[in-house]
Protein backbone atom coordinates (compact mmCIF):
# COMPACT_ATOMS: atom_id res chain seq x y z
CA UNK A 1 17.41 -4.20 39.57
CA UNK A 2 20.43 -6.53 39.73
CA UNK A 3 22.79 -6.63 36.73
CA UNK A 4 21.86 -10.19 35.78
CA UNK A 5 18.18 -9.27 35.43
CA UNK A 6 19.09 -6.24 33.35
CA UNK A 7 21.22 -8.39 31.06
CA UNK A 8 18.44 -10.97 30.68
CA UNK A 9 15.89 -8.26 29.90
CA UNK A 10 18.28 -6.73 27.39
CA UNK A 11 18.82 -10.08 25.69
CA UNK A 12 15.09 -10.75 25.58
CA UNK A 13 14.42 -7.31 24.12
CA UNK A 14 17.05 -7.96 21.46
CA UNK A 15 15.38 -11.25 20.51
CA UNK A 16 11.96 -9.58 20.33
CA UNK A 17 13.50 -6.84 18.18
CA UNK A 18 14.88 -9.46 15.79
CA UNK A 19 11.49 -11.20 15.56
CA UNK A 20 9.70 -7.92 14.88
CA UNK A 21 12.29 -7.06 12.23
CA UNK A 22 11.61 -10.37 10.48
CA UNK A 23 7.87 -9.68 10.66
CA UNK A 24 8.46 -6.27 9.08
CA UNK A 25 10.43 -7.84 6.24
CA UNK A 26 7.71 -10.48 5.74
CA UNK A 27 5.03 -7.77 5.59
CA UNK A 28 7.00 -5.81 3.00
CA UNK A 29 7.67 -8.91 0.91
CA UNK A 30 4.00 -9.94 1.03
CA UNK A 31 2.84 -6.45 0.01
CA UNK A 32 5.34 -6.30 -2.86
CA UNK A 33 4.37 -9.79 -4.03
CA UNK A 34 0.71 -8.74 -4.06
CA UNK A 35 1.52 -5.64 -6.12
CA UNK A 36 3.61 -7.65 -8.60
CA UNK A 37 0.89 -10.29 -8.95
CA UNK A 38 -1.76 -7.62 -9.59
CA UNK A 39 0.45 -5.95 -12.20
CA UNK A 40 1.09 -9.29 -13.89
CA UNK A 41 -2.67 -9.89 -14.05
CA UNK A 42 -3.27 -6.45 -15.57
CA UNK A 43 -0.51 -6.91 -18.12
CA UNK A 44 -1.82 -10.33 -19.12
CA UNK A 45 -5.33 -8.94 -19.55
CA UNK A 46 -4.04 -6.11 -21.73
CA UNK A 47 -1.92 -8.54 -23.76
CA UNK A 48 -4.98 -10.72 -24.31
CA UNK A 49 -6.98 -7.70 -25.45
CA UNK A 50 -4.21 -6.61 -27.83
CA UNK A 51 -3.95 -10.13 -29.24
CA UNK A 52 -7.69 -10.13 -29.84
CA UNK A 53 -7.43 -6.87 -31.78
CA UNK A 54 -4.55 -8.28 -33.84
CA UNK A 55 -6.54 -11.42 -34.63
CA UNK A 56 -9.49 -9.25 -35.64
CA UNK A 57 -7.24 -7.23 -37.94
CA UNK A 58 -5.84 -10.35 -39.60
CA UNK A 59 -9.33 -11.83 -39.86
CA UNK A 60 -10.48 -8.94 -42.01
CA UNK A 61 -8.88 -10.73 -44.99
CA UNK A 62 -10.63 -14.02 -44.28
CA UNK A 63 -12.92 -15.24 -47.09
CA UNK A 64 -11.77 -12.36 -49.27
CA UNK A 65 -13.52 -13.72 -52.39
CA UNK A 66 -16.84 -13.97 -50.61
CA UNK A 67 -16.45 -10.49 -49.18
CA UNK A 68 -15.65 -9.10 -52.62
CA UNK A 69 -18.67 -10.84 -54.13
CA UNK A 70 -20.92 -9.38 -51.46
CA UNK A 71 -19.39 -5.95 -52.00
CA UNK A 72 -19.88 -6.30 -55.75
CA UNK A 73 -23.57 -7.07 -55.29
CA UNK A 74 -23.97 -4.14 -52.93
CA UNK A 75 -22.31 -1.73 -55.32
CA UNK A 76 -24.30 -3.08 -58.29
CA UNK A 77 -27.57 -2.48 -56.45
CA UNK A 78 -26.42 1.02 -55.60
CA UNK A 79 -25.40 1.83 -59.20
CA UNK A 80 -28.61 0.42 -60.70
CA UNK A 81 -30.89 2.17 -58.25
CA UNK A 82 -32.73 5.17 -59.72
CA UNK A 83 -31.24 8.53 -58.86
CA UNK A 84 -33.66 11.11 -57.51
CA UNK A 85 -32.94 14.71 -58.52
CA UNK A 86 -34.82 17.98 -58.73
CA UNK A 87 -36.10 17.07 -62.18
CA UNK A 88 -37.04 13.50 -61.37
CA UNK A 89 -40.74 14.27 -61.20
CA UNK A 90 -40.70 15.70 -64.72
CA UNK A 91 -38.50 13.04 -66.33
CA UNK A 92 -40.39 10.05 -64.99
CA UNK A 93 -43.80 11.01 -66.36
CA UNK A 94 -45.12 8.34 -68.78
CA UNK A 95 -45.23 9.15 -72.46
CA UNK A 96 -48.64 9.70 -73.98
CA UNK A 97 -50.29 6.58 -75.30
CA UNK A 98 -49.93 5.83 -79.00
CA UNK A 99 -52.50 4.04 -81.14
CA UNK A 100 -49.77 2.42 -83.25
CA UNK A 101 -48.72 -1.07 -82.17
CA UNK A 102 -45.47 -0.71 -84.07
CA UNK A 103 -44.52 2.42 -82.12
CA UNK A 104 -45.54 0.82 -78.84
CA UNK A 105 -43.43 -2.30 -79.51
CA UNK A 106 -40.48 -0.19 -80.55
CA UNK A 107 -40.79 1.92 -77.43
CA UNK A 108 -40.91 -1.19 -75.26
CA UNK A 109 -37.85 -2.64 -76.95
CA UNK A 110 -35.90 0.58 -76.58
CA UNK A 111 -36.82 0.81 -72.87
CA UNK A 112 -35.67 -2.78 -72.37
CA UNK A 113 -32.42 -2.07 -74.19
CA UNK A 114 -31.82 0.98 -72.01
CA UNK A 115 -32.61 -0.96 -68.84
CA UNK A 116 -30.27 -3.79 -69.82
CA UNK A 117 -27.54 -1.29 -70.66
CA UNK A 118 -27.89 0.38 -67.27
CA UNK A 119 -27.84 -3.02 -65.56
CA UNK A 120 -24.76 -4.16 -67.46
CA UNK A 121 -22.94 -0.92 -66.77
CA UNK A 122 -23.87 -1.15 -63.08
CA UNK A 123 -22.56 -4.71 -62.85
CA UNK A 124 -19.36 -3.84 -64.72
CA UNK A 125 -18.71 -0.80 -62.56
CA UNK A 126 -19.41 -2.81 -59.43
CA UNK A 127 -16.91 -5.49 -60.54
CA UNK A 128 -14.37 -2.80 -61.27
CA UNK A 129 -14.71 -0.97 -57.98
CA UNK A 130 -15.46 -3.82 -55.57
CA UNK A 131 -11.81 -4.79 -55.06
CA UNK A 132 -10.67 -1.26 -54.26
CA UNK A 133 -13.74 -0.58 -52.13
CA UNK A 134 -13.18 -3.74 -50.11
CA UNK A 135 -9.47 -3.00 -49.67
CA UNK A 136 -10.32 0.51 -48.52
CA UNK A 137 -12.80 -0.85 -46.00
CA UNK A 138 -10.25 -3.34 -44.68
CA UNK A 139 -7.57 -0.64 -44.55
CA UNK A 140 -9.79 1.67 -42.50
CA UNK A 141 -10.60 -1.18 -40.14
CA UNK A 142 -6.93 -2.07 -39.72
CA UNK A 143 -6.06 1.57 -39.05
CA UNK A 144 -8.63 1.58 -36.26
CA UNK A 145 -7.17 -1.70 -34.99
CA UNK A 146 -3.68 -0.17 -34.96
CA UNK A 147 -4.95 2.78 -32.95
CA UNK A 148 -6.56 0.39 -30.49
CA UNK A 149 -3.30 -1.57 -30.11
CA UNK A 150 -1.35 1.67 -29.54
CA UNK A 151 -3.89 2.70 -26.94
CA UNK A 152 -3.51 -0.64 -25.18
CA UNK A 153 0.27 -0.14 -25.25
CA UNK A 154 -0.25 3.21 -23.54
CA UNK A 155 -2.34 1.50 -20.89
CA UNK A 156 0.46 -1.02 -20.33
CA UNK A 157 3.04 1.74 -19.83
CA UNK A 158 0.72 3.60 -17.49
CA UNK A 159 0.13 0.45 -15.48
CA UNK A 160 3.88 -0.09 -15.14
CA UNK A 161 4.31 3.48 -13.90
CA UNK A 162 1.58 2.95 -11.31
CA UNK A 163 3.27 -0.28 -10.23
CA UNK A 164 6.37 1.65 -9.14
CA UNK A 165 4.22 3.86 -6.91
CA UNK A 166 2.50 0.80 -5.50
CA UNK A 167 5.88 -0.83 -4.77
CA UNK A 168 7.04 2.32 -2.99
CA UNK A 169 3.90 2.18 -0.88
CA UNK A 170 4.42 -1.55 -0.23
CA UNK A 171 7.86 -0.80 1.21
CA UNK A 172 6.06 0.93 4.09
CA UNK A 173 3.86 -2.07 4.89
CA UNK A 174 6.04 -3.11 7.84
CA UNK A 175 6.55 0.32 9.40
CA UNK A 176 4.66 -0.59 12.59
CA UNK A 177 6.82 -3.67 13.05
CA UNK A 178 9.94 -1.65 12.28
CA UNK A 179 9.07 0.97 14.91
CA UNK A 180 8.57 -1.69 17.57
CA UNK A 181 11.72 -3.48 16.45
CA UNK A 182 13.77 -0.28 16.82
CA UNK A 183 12.22 0.35 20.25
CA UNK A 184 12.97 -3.11 21.58
CA UNK A 185 16.40 -3.01 19.95
CA UNK A 186 17.25 0.18 21.81
CA UNK A 187 15.96 -1.24 25.08
CA UNK A 188 17.98 -4.38 24.48
CA UNK A 189 21.21 -2.42 23.99
CA UNK A 190 20.58 -0.37 27.12
CA UNK A 191 19.74 -3.46 29.16
CA UNK A 192 22.77 -5.42 27.99
CA UNK A 193 25.11 -2.47 28.52
CA UNK A 194 23.77 -1.79 32.01
CA UNK A 195 23.74 -5.45 32.99
CA UNK A 196 27.24 -6.21 31.79
CA UNK A 197 28.63 -3.02 33.30
CA UNK A 198 27.01 -3.84 36.65
CA UNK A 199 28.31 -7.40 36.55
CA UNK A 200 31.96 -6.41 36.06
CA UNK A 201 31.92 -3.49 38.51
CA UNK A 202 32.31 -5.63 41.71
CA UNK A 203 35.11 -7.59 40.12
CA UNK A 204 36.94 -4.38 39.23
CA UNK A 205 36.46 -3.06 42.78
CA UNK A 206 37.90 -6.26 44.19
CA UNK A 207 40.91 -6.15 41.89
CA UNK A 208 42.09 -2.71 43.08
CA UNK A 209 42.85 -3.72 46.75
CA UNK A 210 44.50 -6.91 45.58
CA UNK A 211 46.85 -4.96 43.36
CA UNK A 212 47.65 -2.60 46.22
CA UNK A 213 48.42 -5.47 48.60
CA UNK A 214 50.63 -7.13 46.00
CA UNK A 215 52.67 -3.95 45.56
CA UNK A 216 53.08 -3.56 49.33
CA UNK A 217 54.22 -7.13 49.75
CA UNK A 218 56.88 -6.72 47.08
CA UNK A 219 58.36 -3.56 48.64
CA UNK A 220 61.46 -4.10 50.88
CA UNK A 221 60.54 -3.99 54.55
CA UNK A 222 57.07 -2.94 53.57
CA UNK A 223 58.26 0.53 52.55
CA UNK A 224 57.17 2.31 49.44
CA UNK A 225 59.65 1.90 46.63
CA UNK A 226 58.88 5.44 45.60
CA UNK A 227 59.22 6.94 49.05
CA UNK A 228 60.50 10.41 49.62
CA UNK A 229 64.23 10.70 48.91
CA UNK A 230 64.39 7.78 46.53
CA UNK A 231 65.65 8.29 43.04
CA UNK A 232 63.84 5.85 40.81
CA UNK A 233 65.05 7.38 37.55
CA UNK A 234 68.36 8.78 36.43
CA UNK A 235 68.22 11.78 34.22
CA UNK A 236 71.08 11.89 31.85
CA UNK A 237 72.61 15.21 31.01
CA UNK A 238 71.32 16.89 34.18
């Protein structure tokens, strides 16, 4: 193949190599952008979930008075409810009937007084304990919320660690283009080197006789200036 064709093929291969290199860079950039977008979506979803847990934790104090009133009623019902023990069956048997109206009325009054006392004590104890019971319930809920937020934070860190692995994998997205780019780049260098070397070779071959003819024309009477017997240099100190 003539040198000019080799040079043209080498130049074309170099251009193709450059195009393939750009395609490789585009593939890597697109893969990395996809990974970053996916990570951003995951982080935003986790942030939204964490914000929801925080709002839930703060909302536990909403309508505190109403919550305390409901807790007071619940505790009062619990305190006033009859307690069942091993001796309940024996202690709840009705007293024998009495023929005296005075005794019956007195017994009814005393039972009413005892029932009212139990009810008042249940209400008072419920009012006393409702605040602390409600605060304890809210505190337990907020502790669970804090654990959930910490867990979400762990998920965020884990997602960031996975992102680095995904980015490393994305850097290999253009390997096929890179391999072809290196191949065509090598062919381009070989073609350009061979073509340029072949182009200058005839010129160098033509220069050699011209230099020889010039030297012969400058010699006196066409003789060699360095002929046998001539002393072109003087050696001092000989």
